[in-house]
C-alpha atoms as a PDB file:
ATOM      1  CA  MET A   1      -2.052  10.505  14.506  1.00  0.00           C
ATOM      2  CA  ILE A   2       1.159   9.191  12.971  1.00  0.00           C
ATOM      3  CA  GLY A   3      -0.061   5.607  12.666  1.00  0.00           C
ATOM      4  CA  SER A   4      -2.666   6.288  10.042  1.00  0.00           C
ATOM      5  CA  LEU A   5      -3.152   7.350   6.486  1.00  0.00           C
ATOM      6  CA  PRO A   6      -2.300  11.033   6.090  1.00  0.00           C
ATOM      7  CA  GLN A   7      -4.821  13.354   4.490  1.00  0.00           C
ATOM      8  CA  LEU A   8      -3.951  13.250   0.811  1.00  0.00           C
ATOM      9  CA  ILE A   9      -4.767  16.065  -1.596  1.00  0.00           C
ATOM     10  CA  ASP A  10      -4.882  15.971  -5.387  1.00  0.00           C
ATOM     11  CA  GLU A  11      -1.186  16.880  -5.645  1.00  0.00           C
ATOM     12  CA  ASP A  12      -0.283  13.943  -3.374  1.00  0.00           C
ATOM     13  CA  MET A  13      -2.366  11.549  -5.461  1.00  0.00           C
ATOM     14  CA  LYS A  14      -0.658  12.771  -8.645  1.00  0.00           C
ATOM     15  CA  GLN A  15       2.731  12.105  -7.040  1.00  0.00           C
ATOM     16  CA  LEU A  16       1.595   8.625  -5.976  1.00  0.00           C
ATOM     17  CA  ASP A  17       0.306   7.981  -9.507  1.00  0.00           C
ATOM     18  CA  ALA A  18       3.732   8.885 -10.915  1.00  0.00           C
ATOM     19  CA  VAL A  19       5.592   6.719  -8.386  1.00  0.00           C
ATOM     20  CA  PHE A  20       3.455   3.657  -9.036  1.00  0.00           C
ATOM     21  CA  ASP A  21       3.360   4.162 -12.812  1.00  0.00           C
ATOM     22  CA  GLU A  22       7.172   4.164 -12.823  1.00  0.00           C
ATOM     23  CA  TYR A  23       7.259   1.172 -10.470  1.00  0.00           C
ATOM     24  CA  LEU A  24       4.988  -0.884 -12.722  1.00  0.00           C
ATOM     25  CA  ILE A  25       7.142  -0.138 -15.761  1.00  0.00           C
ATOM     26  CA  LYS A  26      10.482  -0.883 -14.094  1.00  0.00           C
ATOM     27  CA  SER A  27       9.414  -3.932 -12.090  1.00  0.00           C
ATOM     28  CA  GLU A  28       7.156  -5.436 -14.788  1.00  0.00           C
ATOM     29  CA  ALA A  29       4.466  -6.062 -12.164  1.00  0.00           C
ATOM     30  CA  ASP A  30       0.811  -6.165 -13.186  1.00  0.00           C
ATOM     31  CA  ALA A  31      -0.769  -4.183 -10.363  1.00  0.00           C
ATOM     32  CA  VAL A  32      -0.107  -2.349  -7.118  1.00  0.00           C
ATOM     33  CA  LEU A  33      -2.694  -1.808  -4.407  1.00  0.00           C
ATOM     34  CA  LEU A  34      -2.117   0.902  -1.826  1.00  0.00           C
ATOM     35  CA  THR A  35      -3.807  -0.044   1.436  1.00  0.00           C
ATOM     36  CA  ALA A  36      -4.217   1.825   4.689  1.00  0.00           C
ATOM     37  CA  GLU A  37      -4.100   0.413   8.182  1.00  0.00           C
ATOM     38  CA  GLY A  38      -6.678  -2.315   8.586  1.00  0.00           C
ATOM     39  CA  GLY A  39      -6.648  -3.263   4.898  1.00  0.00           C
ATOM     40  CA  PHE A  40      -8.721  -0.410   3.540  1.00  0.00           C
ATOM     41  CA  LEU A  41      -7.986   0.038  -0.149  1.00  0.00           C
ATOM     42  CA  VAL A  42      -6.767   3.566  -0.912  1.00  0.00           C
ATOM     43  CA  SER A  43      -6.013   3.206  -4.620  1.00  0.00           C
ATOM     44  CA  THR A  44      -5.042   0.745  -7.328  1.00  0.00           C
ATOM     45  CA  TYR A  45      -2.589   1.009 -10.181  1.00  0.00           C
ATOM     46  CA  GLY A  46      -1.940  -1.077 -13.276  1.00  0.00           C
ATOM     47  CA  GLU A  47      -3.769  -4.082 -14.698  1.00  0.00           C
ATOM     48  CA  ARG A  48      -6.539  -5.084 -12.371  1.00  0.00           C
ATOM     49  CA  LYS A  49      -8.430  -7.333 -14.801  1.00  0.00           C
ATOM     50  CA  ASP A  50     -11.428  -8.693 -12.961  1.00  0.00           C
ATOM     51  CA  LEU A  51      -9.769  -8.705  -9.551  1.00  0.00           C
ATOM     52  CA  ASP A  52     -11.690  -7.912  -6.396  1.00  0.00           C
ATOM     53  CA  THR A  53      -9.032  -5.422  -5.292  1.00  0.00           C
ATOM     54  CA  THR A  54     -10.966  -4.427  -2.174  1.00  0.00           C
ATOM     55  CA  SER A  55     -10.955  -7.994  -0.854  1.00  0.00           C
ATOM     56  CA  ILE A  56      -7.382  -8.641  -1.980  1.00  0.00           C
ATOM     57  CA  GLY A  57      -6.193  -5.493  -0.185  1.00  0.00           C
ATOM     58  CA  ALA A  58      -7.978  -6.486   3.031  1.00  0.00           C
ATOM     59  CA  LEU A  59      -6.780 -10.091   2.944  1.00  0.00           C
ATOM     60  CA  ALA A  60      -3.197  -9.128   2.060  1.00  0.00           C
ATOM     61  CA  SER A  61      -3.171  -6.658   4.943  1.00  0.00           C
ATOM     62  CA  ASN A  62      -4.437  -9.307   7.341  1.00  0.00           C
ATOM     63  CA  SER A  63      -1.834 -11.765   6.064  1.00  0.00           C
ATOM     64  CA  PHE A  64       0.871  -9.159   6.615  1.00  0.00           C
ATOM     65  CA  GLU A  65      -0.369  -8.491  10.157  1.00  0.00           C
ATOM     66  CA  ALA A  66      -0.301 -12.227  10.914  1.00  0.00           C
ATOM     67  CA  ASN A  67       3.312 -12.369   9.749  1.00  0.00           C
ATOM     68  CA  LYS A  68       4.190  -9.454  12.030  1.00  0.00           C
ATOM     69  CA  VAL A  69       2.974 -11.570  14.949  1.00  0.00           C
ATOM     70  CA  ILE A  70       5.050 -14.505  13.720  1.00  0.00           C
ATOM     71  CA  ALA A  71       8.070 -12.184  13.604  1.00  0.00           C
ATOM     72  CA  THR A  72       7.694 -11.327  17.277  1.00  0.00           C
ATOM     73  CA  MET A  73       7.201 -14.999  18.142  1.00  0.00           C
ATOM     74  CA  ILE A  74      10.598 -15.877  16.647  1.00  0.00           C
ATOM     75  CA  GLY A  75      12.323 -12.922  18.281  1.00  0.00           C
ATOM     76  CA  GLU A  76      12.312 -10.612  15.259  1.00  0.00           C
ATOM     77  CA  LYS A  77      11.197  -7.035  15.870  1.00  0.00           C
ATOM     78  CA  ASN A  78       9.216  -6.916  12.651  1.00  0.00           C
ATOM     79  CA  PHE A  79       8.981  -8.138   9.077  1.00  0.00           C
ATOM     80  CA  THR A  80       8.797  -5.315   6.553  1.00  0.00           C
ATOM     81  CA  SER A  81       7.788  -7.408   3.565  1.00  0.00           C
ATOM     82  CA  LEU A  82       6.097 -10.632   2.593  1.00  0.00           C
ATOM     83  CA  TYR A  83       6.479 -12.664  -0.598  1.00  0.00           C
ATOM     84  CA  GLN A  84       4.039 -15.367  -1.694  1.00  0.00           C
ATOM     85  CA  ALA A  85       4.911 -17.360  -4.820  1.00  0.00           C
ATOM     86  CA  GLY A  86       2.287 -18.920  -7.058  1.00  0.00           C
ATOM     87  CA  ASP A  87       2.331 -20.948 -10.248  1.00  0.00           C
ATOM     88  CA  GLN A  88       0.903 -18.149 -12.401  1.00  0.00           C
ATOM     89  CA  TYR A  89       0.902 -15.062 -10.180  1.00  0.00           C
ATOM     90  CA  SER A  90       2.791 -14.025  -7.093  1.00  0.00           C
ATOM     91  CA  LEU A  91       2.244 -11.422  -4.415  1.00  0.00           C
ATOM     92  CA  TYR A  92       4.698  -9.121  -2.690  1.00  0.00           C
ATOM     93  CA  ILE A  93       3.654  -6.918   0.221  1.00  0.00           C
ATOM     94  CA  GLN A  94       5.904  -4.056   1.356  1.00  0.00           C
ATOM     95  CA  SER A  95       5.319  -1.944   4.442  1.00  0.00           C
ATOM     96  CA  ILE A  96       5.483   1.746   3.657  1.00  0.00           C
ATOM     97  CA  ASP A  97       5.631   3.247   7.123  1.00  0.00           C
ATOM     98  CA  GLY A  98       4.537   0.500   9.499  1.00  0.00           C
ATOM     99  CA  PHE A  99       0.872   1.386   8.992  1.00  0.00           C
ATOM    100  CA  ASN A 100       0.301   1.435   5.226  1.00  0.00           C
ATOM    101  CA  LEU A 101       1.175  -1.181   2.624  1.00  0.00           C
ATOM    102  CA  MET A 102       1.797  -1.600  -1.053  1.00  0.00           C
ATOM    103  CA  VAL A 103       0.541  -4.926  -2.381  1.00  0.00           C
ATOM    104  CA  VAL A 104       2.145  -5.985  -5.653  1.00  0.00           C
ATOM    105  CA  ILE A 105       0.599  -8.570  -7.977  1.00  0.00           C
ATOM    106  CA  PHE A 106       2.921  -9.898 -10.662  1.00  0.00           C
ATOM    107  CA  PRO A 107       3.350 -12.842 -13.041  1.00  0.00           C
ATOM    108  CA  ALA A 108       5.313 -15.704 -11.477  1.00  0.00           C
ATOM    109  CA  ARG A 109       7.753 -15.518 -14.411  1.00  0.00           C
ATOM    110  CA  THR A 110       8.777 -11.982 -13.353  1.00  0.00           C
ATOM    111  CA  ALA A 111      12.000 -11.837 -11.345  1.00  0.00           C
ATOM    112  CA  VAL A 112      11.143 -11.309  -7.691  1.00  0.00           C
ATOM    113  CA  GLY A 113      14.474  -9.515  -7.250  1.00  0.00           C
ATOM    114  CA  ALA A 114      13.311  -6.694  -9.524  1.00  0.00           C
ATOM    115  CA  ILE A 115       9.949  -6.587  -7.730  1.00  0.00           C
ATOM    116  CA  LYS A 116      11.666  -6.212  -4.341  1.00  0.00           C
ATOM    117  CA  TYR A 117      14.367  -3.790  -5.499  1.00  0.00           C
ATOM    118  CA  TYR A 118      11.997  -1.363  -7.173  1.00  0.00           C
ATOM    119  CA  ALA A 119       9.437  -1.781  -4.367  1.00  0.00           C
ATOM    120  CA  GLN A 120      11.966  -0.400  -1.888  1.00  0.00           C
ATOM    121  CA  LEU A 121      12.561   2.630  -4.097  1.00  0.00           C
ATOM    122  CA  ALA A 122       8.813   3.176  -4.521  1.00  0.00           C
ATOM    123  CA  ARG A 123       8.281   2.688  -0.782  1.00  0.00           C
ATOM    124  CA  ASP A 124      10.763   5.449  -0.016  1.00  0.00           C
ATOM    125  CA  GLN A 125       9.055   7.830  -2.443  1.00  0.00           C
ATOM    126  CA  VAL A 126       5.563   7.048  -1.107  1.00  0.00           C
ATOM    127  CA  ALA A 127       6.816   7.478   2.461  1.00  0.00           C
ATOM    128  CA  GLY A 128       8.098  10.914   1.396  1.00  0.00           C
ATOM    129  CA  VAL A 129       4.671  11.854   0.029  1.00  0.00           C
ATOM    130  CA  PHE A 130       3.095  10.681   3.288  1.00  0.00           C
ATOM    131  CA  GLU A 131       5.612  12.667   5.382  1.00  0.00           C
ATOM    132  CA  ARG A 132       4.879  15.857   3.440  1.00  0.00           C
ATOM    133  CA  ALA A 133       1.125  15.262   3.778  1.00  0.00           C
ATOM    134  CA  ARG A 134       1.458  14.701   7.542  1.00  0.00           C
ATOM    135  CA  ALA A 135       3.498  17.894   7.910  1.00  0.00           C
ATOM    136  CA  ARG A 136       0.847  19.826   6.013  1.00  0.00           C
ATOM    137  CA  ALA A 137      -2.124  18.310   7.865  1.00  0.00           C
ATOM    138  CA  PRO A 138      -1.167  16.494  11.080  1.00  0.00           C
ATOM    139  CA  GLY A 139      -3.694  14.036  12.411  1.00  0.00           C
ATOM    140  CA  GLY A 140      -4.288  11.658   9.557  1.00  0.00           C
ATOM    141  CA  LEU A 141      -7.316   9.575   8.727  1.00  0.00           C
ATOM    142  CA  ASP A 142      -8.455   6.530  10.621  1.00  0.00           C
ATOM    143  CA  LEU A 143     -10.545   4.829   7.971  1.00  0.00           C
ATOM    144  CA  ALA A 144     -11.854   2.373  10.555  1.00  0.00           C
ATOM    145  CA  LEU A 145     -13.828   5.272  12.047  1.00  0.00           C
ATOM    146  CA  LEU A 146     -15.316   6.309   8.703  1.00  0.00           C
ATOM    147  CA  ASN A 147     -19.064   6.832   8.826  1.00  0.00           C
ATOM    148  CA  VAL A 148     -20.125   5.280   5.525  1.00  0.00           C
ATOM    149  CA  THR A 149     -23.420   7.188   5.576  1.00  0.00           C
ATOM    150  CA  ASP A 150     -21.665  10.561   5.906  1.00  0.00           C
ATOM    151  CA  SER A 151     -18.173  10.772   4.430  1.00  0.00           C
ATOM    152  CA  THR A 152     -18.098  14.591   4.336  1.00  0.00           C
ATOM    153  CA  GLN A 153     -15.510  14.596   7.130  1.00  0.00           C
ATOM    154  CA  ILE A 154     -13.011  12.964   4.771  1.00  0.00           C
ATOM    155  CA  PHE A 155     -14.055  13.760   1.206  1.00  0.00           C
ATOM    156  CA  LYS A 156     -14.346  17.430   0.430  1.00  0.00           C
ATOM    157  CA  ARG A 157     -14.582  19.326  -2.837  1.00  0.00           C
ATOM    158  CA  ALA A 158     -11.256  20.635  -4.094  1.00  0.00           C
ATOM    159  CA  VAL A 159     -11.134  24.439  -4.243  1.00  0.00           C
END
């Protein structure tokens, strides 16, 4: 299913690590959360301090979905990003492929222009990783259907 998280192998995760490591350096952001459809946290990068990244990922995803509805209400096909400014920290959410998001947490003093510019570059690279993963293993993962008592359908030992 195209509208889901593709099945990611170790090589994919290493590529994502490299993309987000570079993004954090160039953008000067503190952290990036990669979330799947529905707000499920896939991975985190950077300084997470004592953040509840699982809740932040879910809430940011829901906020993004609400803004997609607002977009349609004003006649816009879609919003691809969302920026929320704070006094100390700000949040930038970028759609990767219409179903997965990168949530960026950064100090308010950091230039949002750099956050957005480098986020687009990172988004393109992550989308490329996802495309290659989908080509290798079509179908994807719907994390909403995950049986938390038996995750063997998703998590398997690397050979």
